[in-house]
Amino acid sequence: MNFERFIAQRASSSGKKSFTRLIILIATVAVALSLTVMIATSSLIAGFKKEITNKIFGFWGHIHITDINSNRSMLEGSPMTKDPALYSSIMNVDKVEYLRYMEFLGIQFTSVEVEDRTEGGVKHAQSFAMKPGIIQTKKQIEGIILKGVDTDFNWDFFKDYLEEGEIFDTKDSLDARKVLISRTTADRLNTDTGKKFIVNSIVNGEPMPFRFEVAGVYKTGLEEFDKKFALVNIGIVQEMLGWNENQISGYEVFVEDIDDLDIISQYIDYNALENYLYAETIREKIPPIFEWLNLQDLNEKVILALMLVVSIINMITALLILILERTEMIGVLKAMGTNNWSVRKVFLNYAGYIIIAGLFWGNVIGISLCLIQKHFGIIKLSEADYYLSVAPIDLNFWNILMLNVGTFFLILLFLVIPTWLVTRISPVRAIRFQ
């Protein structure tokens, strides 16, 4: 054990003045509360972004492949032909090798390129078709967008959010006129599972009614989508659009790792598609929601910065009081030949023990609160405003570790400034004063 650490340990264990102990306690509590808030904030925002993103991707897929002449609204557009060879080439996209700019400590060096590889490839692809229409019941009229799904559709996402009824079978001809509607639509139309309604649509320039039976009711919490979309057999949508059975609006593609989304989208666009087809990520297709989610990062940074400032101010105050209290000790150490920097290191070590104690309790309280929220969902949200009914939590070990390490070293760095007071203390005056 070095000299400075030994003196710091002895000083920290020998404090007797109640006022000094109170200041140390306040500083420890400030660090603990700051870290608690930082862990809770970071976990909450990470969970919020993860849950919303997963819902959007689950509803739409990660990448849309459509005709290049189709509009960006995901509604009616130019049809593309089902191509088994294209579908196979998309499904066979595995880990993609690519070049990227070298990065170090968050700094990008555009003059240096390095080879990299995606973590995964394409997980699933499914065809779809879209057609807007007007729902007509005995008492209500409501606009709707019918999303036609085929036998390759993955129902896992909607099964998780199915409130009542069941998923219709796209292979069963008896389910050809079954429809899956949202709870929002069901409530507005005052309809339910097993009931029927008519969707009026324009076919070849003429209005035509289509009768559907409600197979099930889902609720994702994504109000923007729930109030607009219903799922039906793709054959019905093709009939409404005047298309043949081989014509579709496009393919929805799901990737194995979301971090690979942009790379795989570009790879598919340049290597798997003909010139008349286009691959676009859902982030590009509906950017407002993702821009809103990215704004949460700014909120997180502001809160983390404020908590760090609180910790730093409290620790500086505590350290100044400790230095003034230990004036005699500083004088004795200097009289024995200890240089200023060694004496300053004694107090930095002393402060380090206080910070570590605060971090320990901050981790205990912060992680405990997050686990309680994660398992019991105590904090509720307005689903209409936040797309979620319960505040989500995503605890990440590496994120918590970085918060601890960053907090410790940043506070300690700022504490170098108040220890400068040590250099102003004269050993003769300090000893004589006591």
Protein backbone atom coordinates (compact mmCIF):
# COMPACT_ATOMS: atom_id res chain seq x y z
CA MET A 1 0.00 0.00 0.00
CA ASN A 2 1.45 3.39 -0.95
CA PHE A 3 1.89 6.27 1.48
CA GLU A 4 -0.98 8.45 0.22
CA ARG A 5 -3.52 5.63 0.31
CA PHE A 6 -2.43 4.62 3.83
CA ILE A 7 -2.85 8.15 5.19
CA ALA A 8 -6.21 8.49 3.42
CA GLN A 9 -7.51 5.28 4.98
CA ARG A 10 -6.36 6.33 8.44
CA ALA A 11 -7.95 9.77 8.02
CA SER A 12 -11.25 8.32 6.77
CA SER A 13 -11.54 5.94 9.73
CA SER A 14 -10.61 8.46 12.42
CA GLY A 15 -13.08 11.28 11.76
CA LYS A 16 -14.91 12.15 14.97
CA LYS A 17 -16.53 15.50 14.35
CA SER A 18 -20.25 15.13 13.82
CA PHE A 19 -20.34 18.01 11.32
CA THR A 20 -17.64 16.39 9.17
CA ARG A 21 -19.43 13.05 9.26
CA LEU A 22 -22.63 14.81 8.20
CA ILE A 23 -20.87 16.42 5.22
CA ILE A 24 -19.38 13.06 4.19
CA LEU A 25 -22.82 11.46 4.50
CA ILE A 26 -24.41 14.17 2.37
CA ALA A 27 -21.72 13.75 -0.31
CA THR A 28 -22.16 9.96 -0.30
CA VAL A 29 -25.94 10.29 -0.57
CA ALA A 30 -25.58 12.82 -3.41
CA VAL A 31 -23.38 10.42 -5.41
CA ALA A 32 -25.71 7.50 -4.63
CA LEU A 33 -28.86 9.39 -5.67
CA SER A 34 -27.19 10.73 -8.81
CA LEU A 35 -26.14 7.26 -9.91
CA THR A 36 -29.58 5.89 -9.03
CA VAL A 37 -31.23 8.47 -11.27
CA MET A 38 -28.69 7.85 -14.05
CA ILE A 39 -29.23 4.06 -13.98
CA ALA A 40 -33.01 4.46 -13.88
CA THR A 41 -33.02 7.07 -16.66
CA SER A 42 -30.68 5.14 -18.92
CA SER A 43 -32.55 1.84 -18.40
CA LEU A 44 -35.94 3.48 -18.88
CA ILE A 45 -35.03 5.29 -22.10
CA ALA A 46 -33.25 2.20 -23.47
CA GLY A 47 -36.30 0.07 -22.66
CA PHE A 48 -38.67 2.65 -24.13
CA LYS A 49 -36.76 2.84 -27.41
CA LYS A 50 -36.38 -0.93 -27.59
CA GLU A 51 -40.07 -1.67 -27.00
CA ILE A 52 -41.35 0.96 -29.44
CA THR A 53 -38.81 -0.04 -32.09
CA ASN A 54 -39.66 -3.74 -31.72
CA LYS A 55 -43.35 -2.95 -32.09
CA ILE A 56 -42.83 -0.94 -35.27
CA PHE A 57 -40.51 -3.53 -36.79
CA GLY A 58 -42.85 -6.33 -35.73
CA PHE A 59 -45.73 -4.58 -37.48
CA TRP A 60 -43.88 -3.65 -40.66
CA GLY A 61 -40.69 -5.70 -40.87
CA HIS A 62 -37.24 -4.15 -41.12
CA ILE A 63 -36.93 -3.64 -44.88
CA HIS A 64 -39.53 -3.11 -47.61
CA ILE A 65 -38.86 -4.25 -51.16
CA THR A 66 -41.22 -2.59 -53.62
CA ASP A 67 -41.47 -1.40 -57.19
CA ILE A 68 -39.40 1.75 -57.67
CA ASN A 69 -42.52 3.60 -58.88
CA SER A 70 -44.46 2.91 -55.66
CA ASN A 71 -45.12 5.86 -53.35
CA ARG A 72 -43.63 6.10 -49.86
CA SER A 73 -46.97 5.97 -48.04
CA MET A 74 -47.08 2.13 -48.07
CA LEU A 75 -50.51 2.19 -49.69
CA GLU A 76 -51.41 1.42 -53.28
CA GLY A 77 -48.55 1.50 -55.72
CA SER A 78 -47.18 -0.26 -58.75
CA PRO A 79 -47.43 -4.03 -58.37
CA MET A 80 -44.40 -6.29 -58.53
CA THR A 81 -44.48 -9.90 -59.62
CA LYS A 82 -43.89 -12.71 -57.16
CA ASP A 83 -40.54 -14.22 -58.04
CA PRO A 84 -39.43 -17.45 -56.31
CA ALA A 85 -35.86 -16.82 -57.43
CA LEU A 86 -35.88 -13.32 -55.90
CA TYR A 87 -37.45 -14.63 -52.69
CA SER A 88 -34.79 -17.34 -52.45
CA SER A 89 -31.94 -14.88 -53.04
CA ILE A 90 -33.30 -12.61 -50.28
CA MET A 91 -33.66 -15.48 -47.81
CA ASN A 92 -30.12 -16.66 -48.60
CA VAL A 93 -28.53 -13.36 -47.54
CA ASP A 94 -26.22 -14.33 -44.70
CA LYS A 95 -23.47 -12.39 -42.94
CA VAL A 96 -22.38 -9.55 -45.23
CA GLU A 97 -18.81 -8.33 -45.50
CA TYR A 98 -18.40 -4.59 -46.01
CA LEU A 99 -15.97 -1.69 -45.65
CA ARG A 100 -16.39 1.00 -43.02
CA TYR A 101 -14.40 3.97 -41.79
CA MET A 102 -12.14 3.27 -38.85
CA GLU A 103 -13.33 4.64 -35.52
CA PHE A 104 -11.40 5.30 -32.32
CA LEU A 105 -12.93 6.74 -29.15
CA GLY A 106 -16.00 7.79 -31.12
CA ILE A 107 -13.91 9.64 -33.74
CA GLN A 108 -14.34 8.54 -37.36
CA PHE A 109 -11.30 8.55 -39.64
CA THR A 110 -12.63 8.91 -43.19
CA SER A 111 -9.19 8.37 -44.68
CA VAL A 112 -8.89 4.82 -43.32
CA GLU A 113 -11.24 1.97 -44.28
CA VAL A 114 -11.38 -1.37 -42.51
CA GLU A 115 -13.15 -4.62 -43.36
CA ASP A 116 -16.08 -5.66 -41.20
CA ARG A 117 -18.87 -8.21 -41.17
CA THR A 118 -22.49 -8.12 -40.05
CA GLU A 119 -23.56 -10.16 -37.04
CA GLY A 120 -26.31 -11.89 -39.00
CA GLY A 121 -28.29 -11.94 -42.21
CA VAL A 122 -31.93 -12.16 -43.30
CA LYS A 123 -34.21 -14.05 -40.90
CA HIS A 124 -37.50 -14.00 -42.78
CA ALA A 125 -39.28 -12.47 -45.77
CA GLN A 126 -43.01 -12.27 -46.53
CA SER A 127 -45.18 -10.81 -49.27
CA PHE A 128 -47.92 -8.23 -48.70
CA ALA A 129 -50.43 -6.02 -50.52
CA MET A 130 -52.26 -2.85 -49.45
CA LYS A 131 -55.65 -1.40 -50.27
CA PRO A 132 -57.62 1.40 -48.53
CA GLY A 133 -61.38 1.10 -48.17
CA ILE A 134 -64.44 2.23 -46.21
CA ILE A 135 -65.89 -0.01 -43.49
CA GLN A 136 -69.66 0.10 -43.33
CA THR A 137 -71.72 -1.34 -40.48
CA LYS A 138 -75.35 -0.79 -39.60
CA LYS A 139 -74.49 2.30 -37.55
CA GLN A 140 -70.93 3.36 -38.40
CA ILE A 141 -68.68 4.23 -41.34
CA GLU A 142 -64.91 4.14 -40.87
CA GLY A 143 -61.88 4.41 -43.12
CA ILE A 144 -59.50 1.46 -43.07
CA ILE A 145 -56.39 0.18 -44.83
CA LEU A 146 -56.46 -3.53 -45.58
CA LYS A 147 -53.09 -5.26 -45.42
CA GLY A 148 -53.17 -8.51 -47.33
CA VAL A 149 -50.98 -11.31 -45.99
CA ASP A 150 -50.02 -14.60 -47.61
CA THR A 151 -49.11 -18.09 -46.45
CA ASP A 152 -45.53 -16.95 -45.77
CA PHE A 153 -46.70 -14.41 -43.15
CA ASN A 154 -45.16 -14.76 -39.68
CA TRP A 155 -47.95 -14.39 -37.12
CA ASP A 156 -45.74 -14.41 -34.00
CA PHE A 157 -45.95 -10.65 -33.49
CA PHE A 158 -49.74 -10.44 -33.72
CA LYS A 159 -50.24 -13.52 -31.54
CA ASP A 160 -48.49 -11.65 -28.74
CA TYR A 161 -50.95 -8.75 -29.04
CA LEU A 162 -54.13 -10.70 -29.80
CA GLU A 163 -56.80 -9.73 -27.25
CA GLU A 164 -59.58 -12.01 -28.38
CA GLY A 165 -60.57 -14.33 -31.19
CA GLU A 166 -57.97 -16.14 -33.27
CA ILE A 167 -55.62 -15.75 -36.20
CA PHE A 168 -57.21 -16.68 -39.52
CA ASP A 169 -55.63 -19.34 -41.71
CA THR A 170 -54.40 -17.93 -45.04
CA LYS A 171 -54.38 -21.46 -46.50
CA ASP A 172 -58.00 -22.20 -45.61
CA SER A 173 -60.54 -21.10 -48.21
CA LEU A 174 -63.18 -20.87 -45.46
CA ASP A 175 -61.09 -18.11 -43.84
CA ALA A 176 -60.72 -16.16 -47.08
CA ARG A 177 -63.07 -13.41 -45.86
CA LYS A 178 -61.83 -13.33 -42.25
CA VAL A 179 -60.27 -10.11 -40.97
CA LEU A 180 -58.11 -9.18 -37.99
CA ILE A 181 -58.93 -5.70 -36.70
CA SER A 182 -57.50 -3.57 -33.90
CA ARG A 183 -59.21 -2.87 -30.59
CA THR A 184 -59.41 0.81 -31.60
CA THR A 185 -61.33 -0.07 -34.78
CA ALA A 186 -63.55 -2.58 -32.97
CA ASP A 187 -64.54 -0.01 -30.34
CA ARG A 188 -65.26 2.73 -32.86
CA LEU A 189 -67.42 0.40 -34.97
CA ASN A 190 -69.00 -1.23 -31.93
CA THR A 191 -68.20 -4.63 -33.40
CA ASP A 192 -66.55 -7.76 -32.07
CA THR A 193 -65.31 -11.24 -32.90
CA GLY A 194 -67.68 -13.19 -35.14
CA LYS A 195 -69.55 -10.12 -36.38
CA LYS A 196 -69.56 -9.06 -40.02
CA PHE A 197 -69.18 -5.79 -41.85
CA ILE A 198 -68.79 -4.50 -45.40
CA VAL A 199 -65.74 -2.79 -46.86
CA ASN A 200 -66.50 -0.64 -49.89
CA SER A 201 -63.68 -0.25 -52.37
CA ILE A 202 -63.12 0.93 -55.94
CA VAL A 203 -62.40 -1.89 -58.39
CA ASN A 204 -61.64 -0.96 -61.98
CA GLY A 205 -63.27 2.42 -61.46
CA GLU A 206 -66.47 1.00 -59.99
CA PRO A 207 -67.52 0.86 -56.30
CA MET A 208 -67.75 -2.70 -55.01
CA PRO A 209 -68.69 -4.06 -51.56
CA PHE A 210 -66.69 -6.85 -49.85
CA ARG A 211 -68.12 -8.66 -46.83
CA PHE A 212 -65.77 -9.66 -43.99
CA GLU A 213 -66.10 -11.52 -40.70
CA VAL A 214 -64.04 -10.47 -37.67
CA ALA A 215 -61.74 -13.37 -36.76
CA GLY A 216 -59.87 -11.61 -33.97
CA VAL A 217 -59.04 -8.32 -32.29
CA TYR A 218 -55.48 -7.16 -31.62
CA LYS A 219 -53.96 -4.24 -29.74
CA THR A 220 -50.32 -3.24 -30.23
CA GLY A 221 -50.61 0.16 -28.53
CA LEU A 222 -49.28 1.86 -31.68
CA GLU A 223 -52.30 4.12 -32.05
CA GLU A 224 -51.15 5.51 -35.41
CA PHE A 225 -51.26 2.00 -36.90
CA ASP A 226 -54.01 0.38 -34.84
CA LYS A 227 -56.64 2.89 -35.93
CA LYS A 228 -55.78 2.51 -39.62
CA PHE A 229 -54.90 -1.11 -40.43
CA ALA A 230 -56.65 -4.46 -40.60
CA LEU A 231 -55.21 -7.78 -41.80
CA VAL A 232 -56.93 -9.94 -44.42
CA ASN A 233 -56.07 -12.67 -46.90
CA ILE A 234 -53.87 -11.27 -49.69
CA GLY A 235 -56.18 -12.77 -52.31
CA ILE A 236 -58.97 -10.37 -51.35
CA VAL A 237 -56.70 -7.35 -51.61
CA GLN A 238 -55.47 -8.55 -55.01
CA GLU A 239 -59.09 -8.82 -56.13
CA MET A 240 -59.81 -5.29 -54.89
CA LEU A 241 -56.79 -3.96 -56.75
CA GLY A 242 -57.63 -5.85 -59.94
CA TRP A 243 -54.33 -7.78 -59.74
CA ASN A 244 -53.69 -11.44 -60.47
CA GLU A 245 -52.50 -13.88 -57.78
CA ASN A 246 -48.83 -13.35 -58.67
CA GLN A 247 -48.91 -9.59 -58.19
CA ILE A 248 -48.05 -8.08 -54.79
CA SER A 249 -47.17 -4.70 -53.29
CA GLY A 250 -43.81 -6.00 -52.12
CA TYR A 251 -41.85 -8.00 -49.58
CA GLU A 252 -41.27 -7.32 -45.90
CA VAL A 253 -37.83 -8.49 -44.83
CA PHE A 254 -36.72 -9.21 -41.25
CA VAL A 255 -33.03 -9.22 -40.31
CA GLU A 256 -31.41 -11.22 -37.51
CA ASP A 257 -29.59 -8.28 -35.92
CA ILE A 258 -31.09 -4.79 -35.98
CA ASP A 259 -27.62 -3.21 -35.96
CA ASP A 260 -27.08 -4.71 -39.43
CA LEU A 261 -30.22 -3.13 -40.88
CA ASP A 262 -28.67 -0.44 -43.09
CA ILE A 263 -25.85 -2.66 -44.37
CA ILE A 264 -28.17 -5.54 -45.31
CA SER A 265 -30.67 -3.15 -46.91
CA GLN A 266 -27.94 -1.69 -49.11
CA TYR A 267 -26.61 -5.16 -49.92
CA ILE A 268 -30.05 -6.41 -51.01
CA ASP A 269 -30.67 -3.24 -53.03
CA TYR A 270 -27.40 -3.50 -54.96
CA ASN A 271 -26.93 -7.25 -55.21
CA ALA A 272 -30.30 -9.01 -55.15
CA LEU A 273 -32.75 -6.66 -56.88
CA GLU A 274 -33.41 -5.70 -60.48
CA ASN A 275 -33.28 -2.03 -61.44
CA TYR A 276 -37.06 -1.61 -61.19
CA LEU A 277 -37.13 -2.74 -57.55
CA TYR A 278 -36.07 -0.80 -54.49
CA ALA A 279 -35.12 -1.76 -50.90
CA GLU A 280 -35.85 0.75 -48.14
CA THR A 281 -35.66 0.44 -44.37
CA ILE A 282 -38.68 1.26 -42.24
CA ARG A 283 -36.60 4.00 -40.61
CA GLU A 284 -36.42 5.67 -44.02
CA LYS A 285 -40.06 4.95 -44.82
CA ILE A 286 -41.59 6.39 -41.64
CA PRO A 287 -38.84 8.68 -40.24
CA PRO A 288 -40.97 10.86 -37.85
CA ILE A 289 -41.36 8.11 -35.23
CA PHE A 290 -37.67 7.25 -35.27
CA GLU A 291 -36.69 10.92 -35.12
CA TRP A 292 -38.94 11.23 -32.06
CA LEU A 293 -37.23 8.21 -30.49
CA ASN A 294 -33.80 9.71 -31.21
CA LEU A 295 -34.84 12.83 -29.31
CA GLN A 296 -34.95 10.68 -26.18
CA ASP A 297 -31.15 10.44 -26.38
CA LEU A 298 -30.95 14.20 -25.86
CA ASN A 299 -33.18 13.94 -22.78
CA GLU A 300 -30.96 11.19 -21.43
CA LYS A 301 -27.79 13.24 -21.93
CA VAL A 302 -29.30 16.28 -20.21
CA ILE A 303 -30.38 14.24 -17.17
CA LEU A 304 -27.03 12.46 -16.91
CA ALA A 305 -25.18 15.79 -17.13
CA LEU A 306 -27.35 17.35 -14.42
CA MET A 307 -26.81 14.39 -12.09
CA LEU A 308 -23.05 14.56 -12.63
CA VAL A 309 -23.05 18.29 -11.84
CA VAL A 310 -24.94 17.63 -8.58
CA SER A 311 -22.43 14.94 -7.58
CA ILE A 312 -19.42 17.08 -8.48
CA ILE A 313 -20.66 20.15 -6.57
CA ASN A 314 -21.42 18.10 -3.46
CA MET A 315 -18.08 16.31 -3.59
CA ILE A 316 -16.16 19.57 -4.06
CA THR A 317 -17.95 21.05 -1.05
CA ALA A 318 -17.23 17.97 1.04
CA LEU A 319 -13.56 17.89 0.01
CA LEU A 320 -13.02 21.56 0.85
CA ILE A 321 -14.45 20.97 4.33
CA LEU A 322 -12.24 17.91 4.80
CA ILE A 323 -9.14 19.89 3.81
CA LEU A 324 -9.98 22.68 6.24
CA GLU A 325 -10.64 20.14 9.00
CA ARG A 326 -7.29 18.44 8.38
CA THR A 327 -5.21 21.62 8.30
CA GLU A 328 -3.01 20.40 11.18
CA MET A 329 -2.40 17.06 9.47
CA ILE A 330 -1.44 18.87 6.26
CA GLY A 331 1.02 21.04 8.19
CA VAL A 332 2.61 18.00 9.86
CA LEU A 333 2.94 16.12 6.55
CA LYS A 334 4.55 19.13 4.90
CA ALA A 335 6.89 19.65 7.85
CA MET A 336 8.00 16.02 7.44
CA GLY A 337 8.97 16.77 3.84
CA THR A 338 5.88 15.57 1.97
CA ASN A 339 5.41 17.53 -1.25
CA ASN A 340 2.18 19.26 -2.22
CA TRP A 341 1.15 16.70 -4.85
CA SER A 342 1.48 13.81 -2.38
CA VAL A 343 -0.70 15.65 0.14
CA ARG A 344 -3.25 16.38 -2.60
CA LYS A 345 -3.28 12.68 -3.51
CA VAL A 346 -4.11 11.85 0.12
CA PHE A 347 -7.33 13.86 -0.19
CA LEU A 348 -8.07 12.51 -3.66
CA ASN A 349 -7.83 8.99 -2.22
CA TYR A 350 -10.06 10.09 0.67
CA ALA A 351 -12.60 11.43 -1.83
CA GLY A 352 -12.28 8.22 -3.83
CA TYR A 353 -13.51 6.18 -0.85
CA ILE A 354 -16.53 8.47 -0.51
CA ILE A 355 -17.32 8.17 -4.23
CA ILE A 356 -16.99 4.37 -4.16
CA ALA A 357 -19.37 4.19 -1.19
CA GLY A 358 -21.85 6.40 -3.06
CA LEU A 359 -21.54 4.32 -6.23
CA PHE A 360 -22.11 1.11 -4.27
CA TRP A 361 -25.38 2.32 -2.77
CA GLY A 362 -26.36 3.97 -6.06
CA ASN A 363 -26.04 0.62 -7.82
CA VAL A 364 -27.95 -1.21 -5.12
CA ILE A 365 -30.84 1.28 -5.11
CA GLY A 366 -30.88 1.97 -8.87
CA ILE A 367 -30.76 -1.66 -10.01
CA SER A 368 -33.29 -2.69 -7.33
CA LEU A 369 -35.77 -0.03 -8.46
CA CYS A 370 -35.32 -1.06 -12.10
CA LEU A 371 -35.88 -4.74 -11.27
CA ILE A 372 -39.01 -3.91 -9.27
CA GLN A 373 -40.40 -1.89 -12.20
CA LYS A 374 -39.41 -4.57 -14.70
CA HIS A 375 -41.14 -7.41 -12.85
CA PHE A 376 -44.10 -5.61 -11.25
CA GLY A 377 -44.75 -2.67 -13.61
CA ILE A 378 -45.53 -0.16 -10.87
CA ILE A 379 -45.14 2.94 -13.08
CA LYS A 380 -47.97 3.13 -15.63
CA LEU A 381 -48.06 5.18 -18.83
CA SER A 382 -50.78 6.56 -21.07
CA GLU A 383 -50.75 4.16 -23.99
CA ALA A 384 -52.36 6.75 -26.26
CA ASP A 385 -49.42 9.12 -25.71
CA TYR A 386 -46.46 6.76 -25.25
CA TYR A 387 -47.56 3.60 -27.15
CA LEU A 388 -46.91 1.61 -23.95
CA SER A 389 -49.07 0.95 -20.88
CA VAL A 390 -46.13 0.32 -18.52
CA ALA A 391 -42.76 2.07 -18.28
CA PRO A 392 -40.30 -0.44 -19.79
CA ILE A 393 -36.86 -1.24 -18.38
CA ASP A 394 -33.83 -2.53 -20.25
CA LEU A 395 -30.96 -3.23 -17.84
CA ASN A 396 -27.64 -3.51 -19.63
CA PHE A 397 -24.52 -4.59 -17.72
CA TRP A 398 -22.08 -2.73 -19.94
CA ASN A 399 -24.13 0.45 -19.82
CA ILE A 400 -24.24 0.36 -16.01
CA LEU A 401 -20.50 -0.36 -15.88
CA MET A 402 -19.78 2.65 -18.11
CA LEU A 403 -21.96 4.86 -15.91
CA ASN A 404 -20.02 3.76 -12.83
CA VAL A 405 -16.58 4.15 -14.38
CA GLY A 406 -17.44 7.45 -16.06
CA THR A 407 -18.98 8.92 -12.90
CA PHE A 408 -16.01 7.89 -10.75
CA PHE A 409 -13.32 9.33 -12.98
CA LEU A 410 -15.20 12.51 -13.94
CA ILE A 411 -15.89 13.41 -10.31
CA LEU A 412 -12.31 12.58 -9.33
CA LEU A 413 -11.00 14.69 -12.20
CA PHE A 414 -12.93 17.76 -11.04
CA LEU A 415 -11.77 17.20 -7.46
CA VAL A 416 -8.19 17.90 -8.51
CA ILE A 417 -9.12 21.62 -8.57
CA PRO A 418 -10.15 22.08 -4.90
CA THR A 419 -7.10 20.13 -3.69
CA TRP A 420 -5.07 23.11 -4.95
CA LEU A 421 -6.02 24.68 -1.59
CA VAL A 422 -3.45 22.35 -0.03
CA THR A 423 -0.62 24.27 -1.72
CA ARG A 424 -1.73 27.47 0.04
CA ILE A 425 -1.40 26.01 3.54
CA SER A 426 1.86 26.86 5.32
CA PRO A 427 3.13 24.08 7.62
CA VAL A 428 4.39 26.56 10.22
CA ARG A 429 1.11 28.47 10.42
CA ALA A 430 -0.95 25.26 10.37
CA ILE A 431 0.91 23.75 13.33
CA ARG A 432 1.03 27.04 15.22
CA PHE A 433 -2.69 27.60 14.58
CA GLN A 434 -3.51 24.31 16.29
